Amino acid sequence: MNINVSAWPDHQAHGDVRLDDQDGDGYVPNNNCGVGQQGDCNDNNAAINPGAREICGNGIDENCNGLDWEVGGDYQDGTIAYISQPGDWNYVAGETHGLMVQKLDTFTHYWGCMGFRLADYAIPTPTALGYGHDNSTNIQSYCSYEHLNELAAFMARFGLPKYRDSNLGWFLPTKDELNKLYVNRAAIGGFTGDLYWSSSEYDADNAWVQSFQTGGQGPGLKNNPAPLSLRATKYF
């Protein structure tokens, strides 16, 4: 059907949809004609289409799925890994909080405190959500004497500081936080290893680790002969 350009506003007002790709991003708005790769919710902006990566918290639905906050979306200097649900440690009705992660894995042989059980000295490393930062701080504080504690040096080198501030900084996730990363691994992306460190202690010689191949969690030697994967995590 050919329509005179000057008549187009009237047709559009009656509900007609353009079938051409106005912004050149490869997508067109939904149409009953079945024409083109549909789903573009803003055909005047090439940065908005179903194939775009979501930027969370900016009030714009870049990927046209009706959401501004979603697991796998970009946020600040990381990727959203988990959005808190009612009953979670940092859930606030009407606000969006949860876990975010760095975009890529890193690796280290050592967790620290080999042969030394922190819990025996009333130094907790809980497994629950919300304790990753405190656990990481305790690992750095009380395992730093150990010359094999590569993890403390790693955390300092890659911006996982030994301090408390309003942002809390990057840290090693707890056993339960690590499992949230595993459950959402496909949406988050970038996981290249098998075994991943948590910040939760298992016993004097082991920390809790998780296989991102099978999902199983269990003990991993604190000074492991092979480097294990690590995905730095942060609260938002």
C-alpha atoms as a PDB file:
ATOM      1  CA  MET A   1       0.000   0.000   0.000  1.00  0.00           C
ATOM      2  CA  ASN A   2       1.378   3.390  -0.988  1.00  0.00           C
ATOM      3  CA  ILE A   3       0.555   6.409   1.182  1.00  0.00           C
ATOM      4  CA  ASN A   4       1.296   9.991   0.355  1.00  0.00           C
ATOM      5  CA  VAL A   5       3.818  11.403   2.839  1.00  0.00           C
ATOM      6  CA  SER A   6       1.597  14.337   3.639  1.00  0.00           C
ATOM      7  CA  ALA A   7      -1.224  11.920   4.544  1.00  0.00           C
ATOM      8  CA  TRP A   8       0.914   9.769   6.845  1.00  0.00           C
ATOM      9  CA  PRO A   9       0.143  11.617  10.130  1.00  0.00           C
ATOM     10  CA  ASP A  10      -3.571  10.965   9.630  1.00  0.00           C
ATOM     11  CA  HIS A  11      -2.971   7.268   8.967  1.00  0.00           C
ATOM     12  CA  GLN A  12      -0.672   7.049  11.987  1.00  0.00           C
ATOM     13  CA  ALA A  13      -3.324   8.672  14.162  1.00  0.00           C
ATOM     14  CA  HIS A  14      -5.722   5.915  13.128  1.00  0.00           C
ATOM     15  CA  GLY A  15      -3.330   3.251  14.395  1.00  0.00           C
ATOM     16  CA  ASP A  16      -1.274   2.496  11.321  1.00  0.00           C
ATOM     17  CA  VAL A  17       2.302   1.298  11.950  1.00  0.00           C
ATOM     18  CA  ARG A  18       5.298   1.978   9.757  1.00  0.00           C
ATOM     19  CA  LEU A  19       6.836  -1.176   8.355  1.00  0.00           C
ATOM     20  CA  ASP A  20      10.189   0.375   7.513  1.00  0.00           C
ATOM     21  CA  ASP A  21      13.032   0.591  10.026  1.00  0.00           C
ATOM     22  CA  GLN A  22      13.168   4.323  10.701  1.00  0.00           C
ATOM     23  CA  ASP A  23      16.207   4.278  13.005  1.00  0.00           C
ATOM     24  CA  GLY A  24      18.143   1.624  11.055  1.00  0.00           C
ATOM     25  CA  ASP A  25      18.714  -0.715  14.021  1.00  0.00           C
ATOM     26  CA  GLY A  26      17.364  -3.827  12.272  1.00  0.00           C
ATOM     27  CA  TYR A  27      14.015  -3.895  14.123  1.00  0.00           C
ATOM     28  CA  VAL A  28      10.555  -2.529  13.338  1.00  0.00           C
ATOM     29  CA  PRO A  29       7.558  -1.964  15.626  1.00  0.00           C
ATOM     30  CA  ASN A  30       5.096  -4.819  16.078  1.00  0.00           C
ATOM     31  CA  ASN A  31       2.721  -5.053  13.138  1.00  0.00           C
ATOM     32  CA  ASN A  32      -0.090  -7.335  12.031  1.00  0.00           C
ATOM     33  CA  CYS A  33       1.476  -7.761   8.611  1.00  0.00           C
ATOM     34  CA  GLY A  34       4.298  -9.928   9.941  1.00  0.00           C
ATOM     35  CA  VAL A  35       6.830  -7.682   8.251  1.00  0.00           C
ATOM     36  CA  GLY A  36      10.405  -7.328   9.502  1.00  0.00           C
ATOM     37  CA  GLN A  37      12.086  -8.235  12.780  1.00  0.00           C
ATOM     38  CA  GLN A  38       9.483  -6.887  15.148  1.00  0.00           C
ATOM     39  CA  GLY A  39       9.483  -5.644  18.732  1.00  0.00           C
ATOM     40  CA  ASP A  40      11.083  -2.198  18.445  1.00  0.00           C
ATOM     41  CA  CYS A  41       9.382  -0.039  21.110  1.00  0.00           C
ATOM     42  CA  ASN A  42      11.070   3.164  19.895  1.00  0.00           C
ATOM     43  CA  ASP A  43      11.803   3.225  16.191  1.00  0.00           C
ATOM     44  CA  ASN A  44      13.254   6.712  16.470  1.00  0.00           C
ATOM     45  CA  ASN A  45      16.222   5.618  18.604  1.00  0.00           C
ATOM     46  CA  ALA A  46      18.683   2.999  17.329  1.00  0.00           C
ATOM     47  CA  ALA A  47      19.889   2.330  20.896  1.00  0.00           C
ATOM     48  CA  ILE A  48      16.436   0.998  21.837  1.00  0.00           C
ATOM     49  CA  ASN A  49      15.404  -2.370  20.393  1.00  0.00           C
ATOM     50  CA  PRO A  50      14.937  -6.007  21.517  1.00  0.00           C
ATOM     51  CA  GLY A  51      18.620  -6.735  20.872  1.00  0.00           C
ATOM     52  CA  ALA A  52      19.966  -3.869  22.979  1.00  0.00           C
ATOM     53  CA  ARG A  53      21.632  -4.390  26.352  1.00  0.00           C
ATOM     54  CA  GLU A  54      19.610  -3.046  29.268  1.00  0.00           C
ATOM     55  CA  ILE A  55      21.119  -0.243  31.347  1.00  0.00           C
ATOM     56  CA  CYS A  56      19.423  -0.612  34.703  1.00  0.00           C
ATOM     57  CA  GLY A  57      18.089   2.268  36.754  1.00  0.00           C
ATOM     58  CA  ASN A  58      18.072   4.950  34.052  1.00  0.00           C
ATOM     59  CA  GLY A  59      14.316   4.906  33.486  1.00  0.00           C
ATOM     60  CA  ILE A  60      14.700   3.662  29.893  1.00  0.00           C
ATOM     61  CA  ASP A  61      13.647   0.237  28.622  1.00  0.00           C
ATOM     62  CA  GLU A  62      16.512  -0.315  26.173  1.00  0.00           C
ATOM     63  CA  ASN A  63      15.602  -3.901  25.208  1.00  0.00           C
ATOM     64  CA  CYS A  64      11.829  -3.366  24.962  1.00  0.00           C
ATOM     65  CA  ASN A  65      10.828  -6.053  27.459  1.00  0.00           C
ATOM     66  CA  GLY A  66       8.956  -3.685  29.761  1.00  0.00           C
ATOM     67  CA  LEU A  67      11.637  -3.659  32.468  1.00  0.00           C
ATOM     68  CA  ASP A  68      14.252  -1.160  33.554  1.00  0.00           C
ATOM     69  CA  TRP A  69      15.793  -3.415  36.242  1.00  0.00           C
ATOM     70  CA  GLU A  70      16.670  -6.984  35.310  1.00  0.00           C
ATOM     71  CA  VAL A  71      19.283  -9.662  35.968  1.00  0.00           C
ATOM     72  CA  GLY A  72      21.970  -9.431  33.301  1.00  0.00           C
ATOM     73  CA  GLY A  73      21.531  -5.699  32.781  1.00  0.00           C
ATOM     74  CA  ASP A  74      24.404  -3.244  33.097  1.00  0.00           C
ATOM     75  CA  TYR A  75      24.581  -1.098  36.216  1.00  0.00           C
ATOM     76  CA  GLN A  76      27.384   1.275  37.218  1.00  0.00           C
ATOM     77  CA  ASP A  77      30.617  -0.727  36.692  1.00  0.00           C
ATOM     78  CA  GLY A  78      29.092  -4.200  36.760  1.00  0.00           C
ATOM     79  CA  THR A  79      26.195  -6.498  35.901  1.00  0.00           C
ATOM     80  CA  ILE A  80      23.030  -7.099  37.911  1.00  0.00           C
ATOM     81  CA  ALA A  81      23.219 -10.655  39.297  1.00  0.00           C
ATOM     82  CA  TYR A  82      20.249 -10.869  41.659  1.00  0.00           C
ATOM     83  CA  ILE A  83      17.349  -8.587  42.601  1.00  0.00           C
ATOM     84  CA  SER A  84      16.277  -8.807  46.236  1.00  0.00           C
ATOM     85  CA  GLN A  85      12.901 -10.329  47.029  1.00  0.00           C
ATOM     86  CA  PRO A  86      10.606  -9.789  50.058  1.00  0.00           C
ATOM     87  CA  GLY A  87      12.283 -11.296  53.118  1.00  0.00           C
ATOM     88  CA  ASP A  88      15.828 -10.751  51.820  1.00  0.00           C
ATOM     89  CA  TRP A  89      18.382  -8.904  53.938  1.00  0.00           C
ATOM     90  CA  ASN A  90      18.274  -5.656  51.964  1.00  0.00           C
ATOM     91  CA  TYR A  91      14.755  -5.716  50.521  1.00  0.00           C
ATOM     92  CA  VAL A  92      12.970  -2.361  50.689  1.00  0.00           C
ATOM     93  CA  ALA A  93       9.463  -2.082  49.244  1.00  0.00           C
ATOM     94  CA  GLY A  94       9.382   0.322  46.325  1.00  0.00           C
ATOM     95  CA  GLU A  95      13.166   0.244  45.861  1.00  0.00           C
ATOM     96  CA  THR A  96      15.503  -2.027  43.886  1.00  0.00           C
ATOM     97  CA  HIS A  97      18.445  -3.669  45.654  1.00  0.00           C
ATOM     98  CA  GLY A  98      20.424  -6.859  45.314  1.00  0.00           C
ATOM     99  CA  LEU A  99      23.751  -8.207  44.058  1.00  0.00           C
ATOM    100  CA  MET A 100      25.879  -7.018  41.167  1.00  0.00           C
ATOM    101  CA  VAL A 101      29.074  -8.595  39.870  1.00  0.00           C
ATOM    102  CA  GLN A 102      32.098  -7.675  37.827  1.00  0.00           C
ATOM    103  CA  LYS A 103      31.745  -8.642  34.175  1.00  0.00           C
ATOM    104  CA  LEU A 104      34.606 -11.162  34.049  1.00  0.00           C
ATOM    105  CA  ASP A 105      36.083 -13.936  36.175  1.00  0.00           C
ATOM    106  CA  THR A 106      39.456 -13.804  37.850  1.00  0.00           C
ATOM    107  CA  PHE A 107      41.403 -16.652  39.426  1.00  0.00           C
ATOM    108  CA  THR A 108      43.409 -17.432  42.555  1.00  0.00           C
ATOM    109  CA  HIS A 109      44.941 -20.515  44.203  1.00  0.00           C
ATOM    110  CA  TYR A 110      44.512 -19.378  47.779  1.00  0.00           C
ATOM    111  CA  TRP A 111      41.656 -18.468  50.081  1.00  0.00           C
ATOM    112  CA  GLY A 112      43.875 -17.973  53.138  1.00  0.00           C
ATOM    113  CA  CYS A 113      44.057 -19.370  56.696  1.00  0.00           C
ATOM    114  CA  MET A 114      44.997 -22.913  55.668  1.00  0.00           C
ATOM    115  CA  GLY A 115      44.874 -25.077  58.781  1.00  0.00           C
ATOM    116  CA  PHE A 116      43.299 -22.252  60.778  1.00  0.00           C
ATOM    117  CA  ARG A 117      39.528 -22.331  61.419  1.00  0.00           C
ATOM    118  CA  LEU A 118      38.279 -18.782  61.816  1.00  0.00           C
ATOM    119  CA  ALA A 119      35.099 -19.930  63.559  1.00  0.00           C
ATOM    120  CA  ASP A 120      37.189 -21.431  66.398  1.00  0.00           C
ATOM    121  CA  TYR A 121      38.247 -17.889  67.257  1.00  0.00           C
ATOM    122  CA  ALA A 122      34.748 -16.392  67.090  1.00  0.00           C
ATOM    123  CA  ILE A 123      35.426 -14.933  63.627  1.00  0.00           C
ATOM    124  CA  PRO A 124      32.302 -15.725  61.618  1.00  0.00           C
ATOM    125  CA  THR A 125      32.042 -16.287  57.879  1.00  0.00           C
ATOM    126  CA  PRO A 126      28.283 -16.947  57.494  1.00  0.00           C
ATOM    127  CA  THR A 127      26.788 -18.613  54.438  1.00  0.00           C
ATOM    128  CA  ALA A 128      23.649 -16.452  54.179  1.00  0.00           C
ATOM    129  CA  LEU A 129      22.863 -13.533  51.878  1.00  0.00           C
ATOM    130  CA  GLY A 130      24.171 -10.196  53.062  1.00  0.00           C
ATOM    131  CA  TYR A 131      27.438 -11.308  54.681  1.00  0.00           C
ATOM    132  CA  GLY A 132      29.857 -11.387  51.750  1.00  0.00           C
ATOM    133  CA  HIS A 133      31.457  -8.045  52.505  1.00  0.00           C
ATOM    134  CA  ASP A 134      31.943  -8.817  56.212  1.00  0.00           C
ATOM    135  CA  ASN A 135      33.302 -12.282  55.398  1.00  0.00           C
ATOM    136  CA  SER A 136      35.810 -10.833  52.949  1.00  0.00           C
ATOM    137  CA  THR A 137      36.893  -8.224  55.471  1.00  0.00           C
ATOM    138  CA  ASN A 138      37.468 -10.945  58.092  1.00  0.00           C
ATOM    139  CA  ILE A 139      39.438 -13.117  55.666  1.00  0.00           C
ATOM    140  CA  GLN A 140      41.742 -10.219  54.862  1.00  0.00           C
ATOM    141  CA  SER A 141      42.071  -9.108  58.482  1.00  0.00           C
ATOM    142  CA  TYR A 142      42.780 -12.462  60.078  1.00  0.00           C
ATOM    143  CA  CYS A 143      44.467 -14.410  57.286  1.00  0.00           C
ATOM    144  CA  SER A 144      46.886 -11.678  56.236  1.00  0.00           C
ATOM    145  CA  TYR A 145      49.672 -13.166  58.361  1.00  0.00           C
ATOM    146  CA  GLU A 146      49.814 -16.150  56.033  1.00  0.00           C
ATOM    147  CA  HIS A 147      52.426 -15.788  53.312  1.00  0.00           C
ATOM    148  CA  LEU A 148      50.303 -17.929  51.015  1.00  0.00           C
ATOM    149  CA  ASN A 149      47.286 -15.653  51.306  1.00  0.00           C
ATOM    150  CA  GLU A 150      47.117 -14.691  47.674  1.00  0.00           C
ATOM    151  CA  LEU A 151      43.445 -13.843  48.095  1.00  0.00           C
ATOM    152  CA  ALA A 152      44.109 -10.801  50.289  1.00  0.00           C
ATOM    153  CA  ALA A 153      46.584  -9.466  47.744  1.00  0.00           C
ATOM    154  CA  PHE A 154      44.118 -10.233  44.972  1.00  0.00           C
ATOM    155  CA  MET A 155      41.305  -8.331  46.665  1.00  0.00           C
ATOM    156  CA  ALA A 156      43.509  -5.309  47.198  1.00  0.00           C
ATOM    157  CA  ARG A 157      44.793  -5.442  43.629  1.00  0.00           C
ATOM    158  CA  PHE A 158      41.386  -5.742  41.998  1.00  0.00           C
ATOM    159  CA  GLY A 159      39.560  -3.210  44.108  1.00  0.00           C
ATOM    160  CA  LEU A 160      38.145  -5.342  46.896  1.00  0.00           C
ATOM    161  CA  PRO A 161      39.299  -3.067  49.705  1.00  0.00           C
ATOM    162  CA  LYS A 162      39.633  -3.879  53.385  1.00  0.00           C
ATOM    163  CA  TYR A 163      37.391  -1.123  54.694  1.00  0.00           C
ATOM    164  CA  ARG A 164      33.754  -0.218  55.209  1.00  0.00           C
ATOM    165  CA  ASP A 165      32.065   2.591  53.339  1.00  0.00           C
ATOM    166  CA  SER A 166      28.601   3.462  52.137  1.00  0.00           C
ATOM    167  CA  ASN A 167      29.132   1.508  48.928  1.00  0.00           C
ATOM    168  CA  LEU A 168      30.831  -1.462  50.638  1.00  0.00           C
ATOM    169  CA  GLY A 169      33.051  -2.126  47.631  1.00  0.00           C
ATOM    170  CA  TRP A 170      33.665  -5.427  45.830  1.00  0.00           C
ATOM    171  CA  PHE A 171      33.949  -8.642  47.820  1.00  0.00           C
ATOM    172  CA  LEU A 172      33.874 -12.438  47.661  1.00  0.00           C
ATOM    173  CA  PRO A 173      30.247 -13.706  47.801  1.00  0.00           C
ATOM    174  CA  THR A 174      28.992 -15.998  50.555  1.00  0.00           C
ATOM    175  CA  LYS A 175      27.975 -19.581  49.827  1.00  0.00           C
ATOM    176  CA  ASP A 176      24.311 -18.564  49.332  1.00  0.00           C
ATOM    177  CA  GLU A 177      25.199 -15.426  47.356  1.00  0.00           C
ATOM    178  CA  LEU A 178      27.396 -17.554  45.089  1.00  0.00           C
ATOM    179  CA  ASN A 179      24.437 -19.850  44.467  1.00  0.00           C
ATOM    180  CA  LYS A 180      22.373 -16.868  43.268  1.00  0.00           C
ATOM    181  CA  LEU A 181      25.135 -16.206  40.738  1.00  0.00           C
ATOM    182  CA  TYR A 182      24.979 -19.851  39.644  1.00  0.00           C
ATOM    183  CA  VAL A 183      21.188 -19.834  39.242  1.00  0.00           C
ATOM    184  CA  ASN A 184      21.362 -16.653  37.116  1.00  0.00           C
ATOM    185  CA  ARG A 185      24.606 -17.538  35.322  1.00  0.00           C
ATOM    186  CA  ALA A 186      23.097 -17.585  31.812  1.00  0.00           C
ATOM    187  CA  ALA A 187      21.640 -14.078  32.118  1.00  0.00           C
ATOM    188  CA  ILE A 188      24.754 -12.704  33.851  1.00  0.00           C
ATOM    189  CA  GLY A 189      27.243 -14.226  31.419  1.00  0.00           C
ATOM    190  CA  GLY A 190      31.036 -14.368  31.453  1.00  0.00           C
ATOM    191  CA  PHE A 191      31.437 -17.473  33.623  1.00  0.00           C
ATOM    192  CA  THR A 192      34.312 -19.472  32.181  1.00  0.00           C
ATOM    193  CA  GLY A 193      35.439 -21.712  35.053  1.00  0.00           C
ATOM    194  CA  ASP A 194      34.081 -24.711  36.905  1.00  0.00           C
ATOM    195  CA  LEU A 195      34.772 -24.253  40.635  1.00  0.00           C
ATOM    196  CA  TYR A 196      34.163 -20.814  42.177  1.00  0.00           C
ATOM    197  CA  TRP A 197      35.248 -19.530  45.581  1.00  0.00           C
ATOM    198  CA  SER A 198      32.817 -18.306  48.208  1.00  0.00           C
ATOM    199  CA  SER A 199      33.778 -16.309  51.306  1.00  0.00           C
ATOM    200  CA  SER A 200      32.195 -18.896  53.626  1.00  0.00           C
ATOM    201  CA  GLU A 201      34.555 -21.174  55.531  1.00  0.00           C
ATOM    202  CA  TYR A 202      33.925 -24.928  55.474  1.00  0.00           C
ATOM    203  CA  ASP A 203      36.556 -26.082  57.983  1.00  0.00           C
ATOM    204  CA  ALA A 204      40.195 -25.441  58.906  1.00  0.00           C
ATOM    205  CA  ASP A 205      41.488 -26.571  55.509  1.00  0.00           C
ATOM    206  CA  ASN A 206      38.565 -25.800  53.195  1.00  0.00           C
ATOM    207  CA  ALA A 207      36.224 -23.039  52.072  1.00  0.00           C
ATOM    208  CA  TRP A 208      32.836 -23.541  50.438  1.00  0.00           C
ATOM    209  CA  VAL A 209      33.098 -23.658  46.636  1.00  0.00           C
ATOM    210  CA  GLN A 210      30.521 -24.267  43.915  1.00  0.00           C
ATOM    211  CA  SER A 211      30.705 -26.010  40.577  1.00  0.00           C
ATOM    212  CA  PHE A 212      29.177 -23.915  37.822  1.00  0.00           C
ATOM    213  CA  GLN A 213      28.956 -27.076  35.715  1.00  0.00           C
ATOM    214  CA  THR A 214      26.841 -29.189  38.100  1.00  0.00           C
ATOM    215  CA  GLY A 215      25.643 -26.639  40.657  1.00  0.00           C
ATOM    216  CA  GLY A 216      27.037 -28.726  43.508  1.00  0.00           C
ATOM    217  CA  GLN A 217      28.531 -26.993  46.555  1.00  0.00           C
ATOM    218  CA  GLY A 218      31.214 -28.499  48.784  1.00  0.00           C
ATOM    219  CA  PRO A 219      34.679 -28.078  50.302  1.00  0.00           C
ATOM    220  CA  GLY A 220      37.621 -26.691  48.349  1.00  0.00           C
ATOM    221  CA  LEU A 221      41.166 -26.611  49.704  1.00  0.00           C
ATOM    222  CA  LYS A 222      42.139 -23.149  50.923  1.00  0.00           C
ATOM    223  CA  ASN A 223      45.489 -23.498  49.172  1.00  0.00           C
ATOM    224  CA  ASN A 224      44.343 -25.265  46.053  1.00  0.00           C
ATOM    225  CA  PRO A 225      46.926 -26.729  43.654  1.00  0.00           C
ATOM    226  CA  ALA A 226      44.881 -25.412  40.721  1.00  0.00           C
ATOM    227  CA  PRO A 227      43.519 -21.859  40.631  1.00  0.00           C
ATOM    228  CA  LEU A 228      39.784 -21.573  41.274  1.00  0.00           C
ATOM    229  CA  SER A 229      37.534 -18.963  39.688  1.00  0.00           C
ATOM    230  CA  LEU A 230      36.293 -15.889  41.500  1.00  0.00           C
ATOM    231  CA  ARG A 231      33.567 -13.421  40.545  1.00  0.00           C
ATOM    232  CA  ALA A 232      33.800 -10.234  42.584  1.00  0.00           C
ATOM    233  CA  THR A 233      30.422  -9.142  43.948  1.00  0.00           C
ATOM    234  CA  LYS A 234      28.929  -5.927  45.316  1.00  0.00           C
ATOM    235  CA  TYR A 235      25.668  -4.866  46.961  1.00  0.00           C
ATOM    236  CA  PHE A 236      23.560  -2.173  45.354  1.00  0.00           C
END
